[in-house]
N, C-alpha and C. Protein backbone atom coordinates (compact mmCIF):
# COMPACT_ATOMS: atom_id res chain seq x y z
N UNK A 1 6.30 -8.99 -16.19
CA UNK A 1 5.97 -7.92 -15.29
C UNK A 1 5.44 -6.74 -16.06
N UNK A 2 4.27 -6.13 -15.78
CA UNK A 2 3.86 -4.98 -16.55
C UNK A 2 4.84 -3.84 -16.43
N UNK A 3 4.95 -3.04 -17.48
CA UNK A 3 5.82 -1.88 -17.47
C UNK A 3 5.20 -0.89 -16.49
N UNK A 4 6.06 -0.19 -15.77
CA UNK A 4 5.57 0.79 -14.73
C UNK A 4 4.82 1.99 -15.36
N UNK A 5 5.18 2.35 -16.62
CA UNK A 5 4.48 3.50 -17.07
C UNK A 5 3.09 3.26 -17.48
N UNK A 6 2.64 2.04 -17.51
CA UNK A 6 1.29 1.67 -17.85
C UNK A 6 0.39 1.52 -16.64
N UNK A 7 0.93 1.68 -15.48
CA UNK A 7 0.14 1.40 -14.21
C UNK A 7 0.11 2.68 -13.50
N UNK A 8 -1.14 3.16 -13.22
CA UNK A 8 -1.42 4.37 -12.46
C UNK A 8 -2.24 3.99 -11.22
N UNK A 9 -2.06 4.75 -10.15
CA UNK A 9 -2.87 4.45 -9.00
C UNK A 9 -4.36 4.77 -9.22
N UNK A 10 -5.21 4.01 -8.58
CA UNK A 10 -6.62 4.31 -8.67
C UNK A 10 -6.91 5.43 -7.73
N UNK A 11 -7.60 6.42 -8.26
CA UNK A 11 -7.87 7.61 -7.45
C UNK A 11 -9.36 7.50 -7.00
N UNK A 12 -9.57 7.62 -5.70
CA UNK A 12 -10.94 7.55 -5.12
C UNK A 12 -11.81 8.65 -5.70
N UNK A 13 -13.07 8.42 -5.82
CA UNK A 13 -13.98 9.43 -6.24
C UNK A 13 -15.02 9.67 -5.15
N UNK A 14 -15.47 10.90 -5.04
CA UNK A 14 -16.47 11.20 -3.98
C UNK A 14 -17.90 10.81 -4.51
N UNK A 15 -18.64 10.27 -3.66
CA UNK A 15 -20.02 9.82 -3.97
C UNK A 15 -21.00 10.60 -3.05
N UNK A 16 -22.30 10.56 -3.37
CA UNK A 16 -23.33 11.14 -2.52
C UNK A 16 -23.87 10.17 -1.56
N UNK A 17 -23.73 8.87 -1.81
CA UNK A 17 -24.26 7.86 -0.89
C UNK A 17 -23.34 6.62 -0.98
N UNK A 18 -23.40 5.83 0.06
CA UNK A 18 -22.51 4.60 0.11
C UNK A 18 -23.27 3.45 -0.63
N UNK A 19 -22.59 2.95 -1.67
CA UNK A 19 -23.19 1.86 -2.38
C UNK A 19 -23.20 0.56 -1.52
N UNK A 20 -24.18 -0.21 -1.72
CA UNK A 20 -24.35 -1.45 -0.86
C UNK A 20 -24.50 -2.62 -1.84
N UNK A 21 -24.34 -3.84 -1.33
CA UNK A 21 -24.47 -5.04 -2.01
C UNK A 21 -23.21 -5.89 -2.03
N UNK A 22 -23.33 -7.16 -2.47
CA UNK A 22 -22.24 -8.09 -2.37
C UNK A 22 -21.12 -7.79 -3.34
N UNK A 23 -21.33 -6.90 -4.33
CA UNK A 23 -20.27 -6.62 -5.29
C UNK A 23 -19.45 -5.45 -4.94
N UNK A 24 -19.67 -4.85 -3.79
CA UNK A 24 -18.91 -3.63 -3.36
C UNK A 24 -17.95 -4.01 -2.26
N UNK A 25 -16.71 -3.39 -2.34
CA UNK A 25 -15.69 -3.45 -1.33
C UNK A 25 -15.46 -2.09 -0.81
N UNK A 26 -15.57 -1.84 0.45
CA UNK A 26 -15.41 -0.45 1.04
C UNK A 26 -14.00 -0.35 1.66
N UNK A 27 -13.36 0.72 1.36
CA UNK A 27 -11.97 0.93 1.92
C UNK A 27 -11.97 2.30 2.51
N UNK A 28 -11.07 2.40 3.53
CA UNK A 28 -10.84 3.69 4.22
C UNK A 28 -10.02 4.49 3.34
N UNK A 29 -10.32 5.81 3.15
CA UNK A 29 -9.47 6.68 2.49
C UNK A 29 -8.69 7.56 3.51
N UNK A 30 -7.45 7.24 3.57
CA UNK A 30 -6.44 7.91 4.50
C UNK A 30 -6.05 9.24 3.87
N UNK A 31 -5.62 10.15 4.75
CA UNK A 31 -5.05 11.39 4.26
C UNK A 31 -3.59 11.17 3.92
N UNK A 32 -3.29 10.78 2.70
CA UNK A 32 -1.93 10.49 2.29
C UNK A 32 -1.83 10.69 0.82
N UNK A 33 -0.65 10.17 0.32
CA UNK A 33 -0.36 10.31 -1.11
C UNK A 33 -0.42 8.92 -1.73
N UNK A 34 -1.08 8.82 -2.86
CA UNK A 34 -1.18 7.50 -3.60
C UNK A 34 0.15 7.22 -4.16
N UNK A 35 0.61 5.98 -4.11
CA UNK A 35 1.81 5.50 -4.64
C UNK A 35 1.63 4.16 -5.28
N UNK A 36 2.43 3.84 -6.35
CA UNK A 36 2.63 2.59 -6.87
C UNK A 36 3.90 2.06 -6.40
N UNK A 37 3.96 0.97 -5.69
CA UNK A 37 5.20 0.36 -5.18
C UNK A 37 5.50 -0.76 -6.16
N UNK A 38 6.66 -0.68 -6.77
CA UNK A 38 7.09 -1.65 -7.77
C UNK A 38 8.40 -2.31 -7.30
N UNK A 39 8.44 -3.55 -7.01
CA UNK A 39 9.64 -4.28 -6.62
C UNK A 39 10.01 -5.30 -7.70
N UNK A 40 11.16 -5.28 -8.11
CA UNK A 40 11.67 -6.30 -9.06
C UNK A 40 13.08 -6.76 -8.56
N UNK A 41 13.09 -7.84 -7.81
CA UNK A 41 14.32 -8.29 -7.19
C UNK A 41 14.81 -7.33 -6.09
N UNK A 42 16.06 -6.77 -6.33
CA UNK A 42 16.57 -5.89 -5.32
C UNK A 42 16.24 -4.41 -5.66
N UNK A 43 15.37 -4.16 -6.66
CA UNK A 43 15.11 -2.83 -7.03
C UNK A 43 13.68 -2.51 -6.66
N UNK A 44 13.50 -1.37 -5.94
CA UNK A 44 12.13 -0.89 -5.49
C UNK A 44 12.01 0.51 -6.07
N UNK A 45 10.79 0.87 -6.52
CA UNK A 45 10.44 2.16 -6.99
C UNK A 45 9.09 2.58 -6.35
N UNK A 46 8.98 3.74 -5.76
CA UNK A 46 7.80 4.29 -5.23
C UNK A 46 7.30 5.39 -6.20
N UNK A 47 6.36 5.11 -6.97
CA UNK A 47 5.96 6.06 -8.10
C UNK A 47 4.66 6.84 -7.73
N UNK A 48 4.71 8.12 -7.84
CA UNK A 48 3.63 9.01 -7.60
C UNK A 48 2.66 9.00 -8.83
N UNK A 49 1.54 9.65 -8.71
CA UNK A 49 0.62 9.85 -9.85
C UNK A 49 1.27 10.51 -10.95
N UNK A 50 2.22 11.42 -10.68
CA UNK A 50 2.92 12.18 -11.75
C UNK A 50 4.19 11.47 -12.21
N UNK A 51 4.46 10.21 -11.73
CA UNK A 51 5.62 9.50 -12.20
C UNK A 51 6.94 9.77 -11.49
N UNK A 52 6.91 10.50 -10.40
CA UNK A 52 8.09 10.74 -9.59
C UNK A 52 8.43 9.57 -8.74
N UNK A 53 9.72 9.25 -8.59
CA UNK A 53 10.16 8.14 -7.78
C UNK A 53 10.56 8.68 -6.35
N UNK A 54 9.77 8.34 -5.29
CA UNK A 54 9.97 8.85 -3.91
C UNK A 54 10.67 7.91 -3.04
N UNK A 55 11.48 7.00 -3.53
CA UNK A 55 12.20 6.09 -2.72
C UNK A 55 13.05 6.83 -1.64
N UNK A 56 13.70 7.91 -2.11
CA UNK A 56 14.53 8.62 -1.11
C UNK A 56 13.64 9.36 -0.01
N UNK A 57 12.44 9.55 -0.29
CA UNK A 57 11.53 10.16 0.73
C UNK A 57 11.06 9.17 1.75
N UNK A 58 10.73 8.01 1.35
CA UNK A 58 10.12 7.04 2.27
C UNK A 58 10.94 5.75 2.36
N UNK A 59 12.08 5.83 3.12
CA UNK A 59 12.96 4.64 3.21
C UNK A 59 12.33 3.44 3.83
N UNK A 60 11.42 3.65 4.83
CA UNK A 60 10.83 2.59 5.55
C UNK A 60 9.94 1.77 4.63
N UNK A 61 9.26 2.37 3.70
CA UNK A 61 8.47 1.60 2.72
C UNK A 61 9.41 0.79 1.80
N UNK A 62 10.46 1.32 1.39
CA UNK A 62 11.38 0.62 0.53
C UNK A 62 12.03 -0.59 1.30
N UNK A 63 12.42 -0.35 2.51
CA UNK A 63 12.97 -1.40 3.41
C UNK A 63 11.99 -2.46 3.58
N UNK A 64 10.74 -2.18 3.84
CA UNK A 64 9.74 -3.20 4.04
C UNK A 64 9.42 -3.95 2.75
N UNK A 65 9.42 -3.24 1.61
CA UNK A 65 9.16 -3.93 0.29
C UNK A 65 10.35 -4.91 0.06
N UNK A 66 11.49 -4.60 0.39
CA UNK A 66 12.72 -5.46 0.22
C UNK A 66 12.68 -6.64 1.10
N UNK A 67 12.00 -6.50 2.32
CA UNK A 67 11.93 -7.60 3.24
C UNK A 67 10.83 -8.54 2.91
N UNK A 68 9.92 -8.17 2.06
CA UNK A 68 8.76 -9.09 1.73
C UNK A 68 9.32 -10.28 0.97
N UNK A 69 8.74 -11.47 1.30
CA UNK A 69 9.30 -12.68 0.69
C UNK A 69 8.99 -12.77 -0.85
N UNK A 70 8.01 -12.01 -1.32
CA UNK A 70 7.74 -11.89 -2.78
C UNK A 70 8.77 -10.98 -3.35
N UNK A 71 9.43 -11.44 -4.43
CA UNK A 71 10.51 -10.64 -5.03
C UNK A 71 10.03 -9.81 -6.21
N UNK A 72 8.92 -10.01 -6.67
CA UNK A 72 8.40 -9.21 -7.75
C UNK A 72 6.89 -8.87 -7.46
N UNK A 73 6.66 -7.55 -7.40
CA UNK A 73 5.17 -7.16 -7.16
C UNK A 73 5.05 -5.71 -7.56
N UNK A 74 3.78 -5.38 -7.86
CA UNK A 74 3.36 -3.99 -8.04
C UNK A 74 2.12 -3.85 -7.30
N UNK A 75 2.13 -2.89 -6.31
CA UNK A 75 0.89 -2.69 -5.55
C UNK A 75 0.48 -1.14 -5.57
N UNK A 76 -0.75 -0.94 -5.43
CA UNK A 76 -1.33 0.42 -5.46
C UNK A 76 -1.66 0.67 -3.95
N UNK A 77 -1.15 1.74 -3.43
CA UNK A 77 -1.37 1.98 -2.02
C UNK A 77 -1.35 3.53 -1.72
N UNK A 78 -1.34 3.80 -0.46
CA UNK A 78 -1.28 5.21 0.07
C UNK A 78 -0.31 5.35 1.12
N UNK A 79 0.68 6.34 0.92
CA UNK A 79 1.67 6.61 1.88
C UNK A 79 1.01 7.47 2.98
N UNK A 80 1.20 7.14 4.25
CA UNK A 80 0.51 7.72 5.31
C UNK A 80 1.49 7.88 6.56
N UNK A 81 1.35 8.99 7.31
CA UNK A 81 1.96 9.16 8.55
C UNK A 81 0.81 9.07 9.62
N UNK A 82 1.00 8.19 10.62
CA UNK A 82 0.02 8.08 11.72
C UNK A 82 0.48 8.95 12.88
N UNK A 83 -0.42 9.63 13.45
CA UNK A 83 -0.23 10.45 14.62
C UNK A 83 -0.17 9.54 15.86
N UNK A 84 0.14 10.01 17.03
CA UNK A 84 0.20 9.22 18.19
C UNK A 84 -1.11 8.57 18.58
N UNK A 85 -2.25 9.17 18.01
CA UNK A 85 -3.57 8.64 18.22
C UNK A 85 -3.93 7.55 17.26
N UNK A 86 -2.94 7.23 16.30
CA UNK A 86 -3.25 6.20 15.29
C UNK A 86 -4.05 6.69 14.13
N UNK A 87 -4.35 8.01 13.99
CA UNK A 87 -5.06 8.54 12.91
C UNK A 87 -4.07 9.21 12.00
N UNK A 88 -4.35 9.06 10.63
CA UNK A 88 -3.43 9.58 9.62
C UNK A 88 -3.39 11.18 9.81
N UNK A 89 -2.11 11.67 9.68
CA UNK A 89 -1.85 13.03 9.88
C UNK A 89 -1.25 13.65 8.61
N UNK A 90 -2.09 14.23 7.72
CA UNK A 90 -1.61 14.72 6.44
C UNK A 90 -0.59 15.85 6.61
N UNK A 91 -0.77 16.69 7.64
CA UNK A 91 0.18 17.81 7.82
C UNK A 91 1.57 17.30 8.15
N UNK A 92 1.66 16.22 8.89
CA UNK A 92 2.98 15.60 9.25
C UNK A 92 3.58 14.98 7.96
N UNK A 93 2.75 14.41 7.10
CA UNK A 93 3.21 13.85 5.79
C UNK A 93 3.69 14.91 4.90
N UNK A 94 2.87 15.96 4.71
CA UNK A 94 3.15 17.03 3.78
C UNK A 94 4.34 17.84 4.23
N UNK A 95 4.53 17.97 5.55
CA UNK A 95 5.65 18.81 5.98
C UNK A 95 7.07 18.15 5.73
N UNK A 96 7.06 16.82 5.47
CA UNK A 96 8.27 16.12 5.21
C UNK A 96 9.18 15.90 6.44
N UNK A 97 8.66 16.29 7.62
CA UNK A 97 9.40 16.17 8.89
C UNK A 97 9.37 14.72 9.36
N UNK A 98 8.49 13.92 8.85
CA UNK A 98 8.37 12.58 9.32
C UNK A 98 8.54 11.51 8.27
N UNK A 99 9.35 11.74 7.28
CA UNK A 99 9.51 10.87 6.13
C UNK A 99 9.95 9.47 6.59
N UNK A 100 10.75 9.37 7.65
CA UNK A 100 11.21 8.06 8.13
C UNK A 100 10.08 7.22 8.74
N UNK A 101 8.99 7.85 9.01
CA UNK A 101 7.85 7.16 9.66
C UNK A 101 6.70 6.85 8.70
N UNK A 102 6.87 7.21 7.43
CA UNK A 102 5.73 6.97 6.49
C UNK A 102 5.58 5.56 6.19
N UNK A 103 4.39 5.06 6.30
CA UNK A 103 4.11 3.65 5.93
C UNK A 103 3.08 3.67 4.78
N UNK A 104 2.91 2.45 4.20
CA UNK A 104 1.97 2.27 3.10
C UNK A 104 0.83 1.47 3.42
N UNK A 105 -0.37 1.90 3.08
CA UNK A 105 -1.59 1.12 3.16
C UNK A 105 -1.82 0.67 1.74
N UNK A 106 -1.68 -0.70 1.55
CA UNK A 106 -1.83 -1.28 0.21
C UNK A 106 -3.27 -1.49 -0.09
N UNK A 107 -3.80 -1.04 -1.21
CA UNK A 107 -5.23 -1.25 -1.57
C UNK A 107 -5.36 -2.35 -2.64
N UNK A 108 -4.38 -2.59 -3.45
CA UNK A 108 -4.58 -3.45 -4.58
C UNK A 108 -3.24 -4.06 -5.03
N UNK A 109 -3.20 -5.30 -5.41
CA UNK A 109 -2.03 -5.94 -5.99
C UNK A 109 -2.23 -6.00 -7.43
N UNK A 110 -1.40 -5.33 -8.16
CA UNK A 110 -1.55 -5.20 -9.59
C UNK A 110 -0.75 -6.25 -10.35
N UNK A 111 0.33 -6.69 -9.75
CA UNK A 111 1.24 -7.71 -10.37
C UNK A 111 2.00 -8.42 -9.27
N UNK A 112 2.23 -9.72 -9.50
CA UNK A 112 3.04 -10.52 -8.55
C UNK A 112 3.74 -11.68 -9.22
N UNK A 113 5.01 -11.80 -9.00
CA UNK A 113 5.84 -12.88 -9.51
C UNK A 113 5.78 -12.94 -11.01
N UNK A 114 5.72 -11.79 -11.61
CA UNK A 114 5.72 -11.72 -13.13
C UNK A 114 4.40 -11.84 -13.74
N UNK A 115 3.35 -11.99 -12.92
CA UNK A 115 2.03 -12.15 -13.56
C UNK A 115 1.23 -10.80 -13.31
N UNK A 116 0.57 -10.36 -14.45
CA UNK A 116 -0.33 -9.20 -14.35
C UNK A 116 -1.61 -9.65 -13.84
N UNK A 117 -1.94 -9.12 -12.56
CA UNK A 117 -3.21 -9.59 -11.90
C UNK A 117 -4.36 -8.65 -12.17
N UNK A 118 -4.17 -7.61 -12.92
CA UNK A 118 -5.27 -6.72 -13.14
C UNK A 118 -6.52 -7.30 -13.81
N UNK A 119 -6.40 -8.35 -14.62
CA UNK A 119 -7.61 -8.94 -15.18
C UNK A 119 -8.36 -9.74 -14.07
N UNK A 120 -7.83 -10.07 -12.98
CA UNK A 120 -8.48 -10.84 -11.90
C UNK A 120 -9.46 -9.91 -11.15
N UNK A 121 -10.49 -10.53 -10.60
CA UNK A 121 -11.42 -9.69 -9.74
C UNK A 121 -10.64 -9.13 -8.55
N UNK A 122 -11.12 -7.95 -8.06
CA UNK A 122 -10.41 -7.28 -7.01
C UNK A 122 -10.28 -8.10 -5.77
N UNK A 123 -11.29 -8.88 -5.39
CA UNK A 123 -11.21 -9.74 -4.13
C UNK A 123 -10.09 -10.70 -4.27
N UNK A 124 -9.77 -11.28 -5.42
CA UNK A 124 -8.75 -12.25 -5.58
C UNK A 124 -7.35 -11.52 -5.57
N UNK A 125 -7.30 -10.34 -6.05
CA UNK A 125 -5.96 -9.61 -5.94
C UNK A 125 -5.67 -9.28 -4.50
N UNK A 126 -6.71 -8.89 -3.71
CA UNK A 126 -6.49 -8.61 -2.32
C UNK A 126 -6.07 -9.80 -1.54
N UNK A 127 -6.63 -10.98 -1.85
CA UNK A 127 -6.26 -12.28 -1.25
C UNK A 127 -4.82 -12.60 -1.55
N UNK A 128 -4.43 -12.34 -2.73
CA UNK A 128 -2.97 -12.55 -3.12
C UNK A 128 -2.06 -11.73 -2.19
N UNK A 129 -2.36 -10.46 -2.02
CA UNK A 129 -1.46 -9.52 -1.21
C UNK A 129 -1.49 -10.02 0.23
N UNK A 130 -2.70 -10.40 0.68
CA UNK A 130 -2.82 -10.77 2.14
C UNK A 130 -1.98 -12.03 2.40
N UNK A 131 -2.08 -13.01 1.53
CA UNK A 131 -1.26 -14.21 1.75
C UNK A 131 0.24 -13.94 1.65
N UNK A 132 0.65 -12.98 0.80
CA UNK A 132 2.02 -12.61 0.69
C UNK A 132 2.56 -11.95 2.00
N UNK A 133 1.68 -11.18 2.68
CA UNK A 133 2.08 -10.41 3.87
C UNK A 133 2.07 -11.29 5.13
N UNK A 134 1.40 -12.38 5.13
CA UNK A 134 1.28 -13.17 6.34
C UNK A 134 2.61 -13.51 7.03
N UNK A 135 3.58 -13.85 6.23
CA UNK A 135 4.85 -14.19 6.88
C UNK A 135 5.71 -12.97 7.19
N UNK A 136 5.35 -11.80 6.82
CA UNK A 136 6.15 -10.59 6.99
C UNK A 136 5.57 -9.76 8.11
N UNK A 137 6.00 -10.02 9.32
CA UNK A 137 5.38 -9.52 10.54
C UNK A 137 6.05 -8.18 10.91
N UNK A 138 6.97 -7.67 10.15
CA UNK A 138 7.49 -6.39 10.49
C UNK A 138 7.48 -5.59 9.22
N UNK A 139 7.55 -4.26 9.35
CA UNK A 139 7.55 -3.39 8.18
C UNK A 139 6.41 -2.44 8.12
N UNK A 140 6.26 -1.80 6.93
CA UNK A 140 5.30 -0.81 6.80
C UNK A 140 4.36 -0.99 5.70
N UNK A 141 4.28 -2.24 5.13
CA UNK A 141 3.37 -2.49 4.10
C UNK A 141 2.13 -3.15 4.71
N UNK A 142 0.96 -2.72 4.45
CA UNK A 142 -0.23 -3.28 5.04
C UNK A 142 -1.31 -3.31 4.01
N UNK A 143 -2.40 -4.05 4.33
CA UNK A 143 -3.53 -4.17 3.48
C UNK A 143 -4.74 -3.87 4.28
N UNK A 144 -5.73 -3.04 3.71
CA UNK A 144 -6.88 -2.75 4.45
C UNK A 144 -8.11 -2.82 3.55
N UNK A 145 -9.18 -3.39 4.06
CA UNK A 145 -10.48 -3.33 3.43
C UNK A 145 -11.46 -3.82 4.33
N UNK A 146 -12.76 -3.57 4.05
CA UNK A 146 -13.81 -4.02 5.00
C UNK A 146 -14.36 -5.44 4.69
N UNK A 147 -13.64 -6.11 3.85
CA UNK A 147 -14.05 -7.50 3.55
C UNK A 147 -13.28 -8.46 4.46
N UNK A 148 -14.05 -9.33 5.14
CA UNK A 148 -13.34 -10.23 6.10
C UNK A 148 -12.81 -9.51 7.24
N UNK A 149 -11.62 -9.89 7.73
CA UNK A 149 -11.08 -9.18 8.79
C UNK A 149 -10.44 -7.90 8.28
N UNK A 150 -10.11 -6.99 9.24
CA UNK A 150 -9.73 -5.63 8.87
C UNK A 150 -8.51 -5.68 8.05
N UNK A 151 -7.60 -6.61 8.27
CA UNK A 151 -6.40 -6.59 7.43
C UNK A 151 -5.09 -6.65 8.22
N UNK A 152 -3.96 -6.57 7.59
CA UNK A 152 -2.70 -6.62 8.22
C UNK A 152 -2.22 -5.27 8.41
N UNK A 153 -1.87 -4.83 9.64
CA UNK A 153 -1.39 -3.46 9.82
C UNK A 153 -0.19 -3.56 10.76
N UNK A 154 0.95 -3.24 10.20
CA UNK A 154 2.19 -3.34 10.99
C UNK A 154 2.72 -1.90 11.12
N UNK A 155 3.25 -1.61 12.27
CA UNK A 155 3.86 -0.28 12.46
C UNK A 155 5.07 -0.45 13.35
N UNK A 156 5.93 0.49 13.43
CA UNK A 156 7.09 0.45 14.29
C UNK A 156 6.68 0.27 15.77
N UNK A 157 5.63 1.00 16.13
CA UNK A 157 5.20 0.85 17.53
C UNK A 157 4.76 -0.53 17.85
N UNK A 158 4.06 -1.14 17.06
CA UNK A 158 3.62 -2.53 17.33
C UNK A 158 4.80 -3.44 17.37
N UNK A 159 5.76 -3.26 16.52
CA UNK A 159 6.95 -4.15 16.53
C UNK A 159 7.67 -3.99 17.83
N UNK A 160 7.82 -2.69 18.33
CA UNK A 160 8.58 -2.43 19.57
C UNK A 160 7.76 -2.97 20.73
N UNK A 161 6.40 -2.87 20.71
CA UNK A 161 5.60 -3.41 21.77
C UNK A 161 5.48 -4.85 21.85
N UNK A 162 5.87 -5.59 20.74
CA UNK A 162 5.78 -7.02 20.72
C UNK A 162 4.41 -7.48 20.28
């Protein structure tokens, strides 16, 4: 498993036009905080860009990571609070009044089951995460991209609505 200090979240950059072509994967940038989620057995860490562990802030993400059938992984994602309209609400996230509702949108699988996946093409890393999530129908870990279907999005409301 790669050491956590060598893995940093990818930070999106602003462009002047949308690139096109078969080599591009487009992802939604939510209004949230980038996190590296590192699970090793029963231990989970939610690491910020500055190396702070936010497990105590976002218990739902920790709980969901522990429920995942994969026991070792490192994913790059974004912590987000969704408003009642389903749109990310940065003010709610920043205020810390909704920490129990924060969920993670996973963008990239960096390691899984002890294997460093970073040398693999991005589309293969995304497929690994998607197959890992298929059996986990509750929780707050999700994957989103515009390749193929929209992705796996689980929320408390959907779990309650069945």
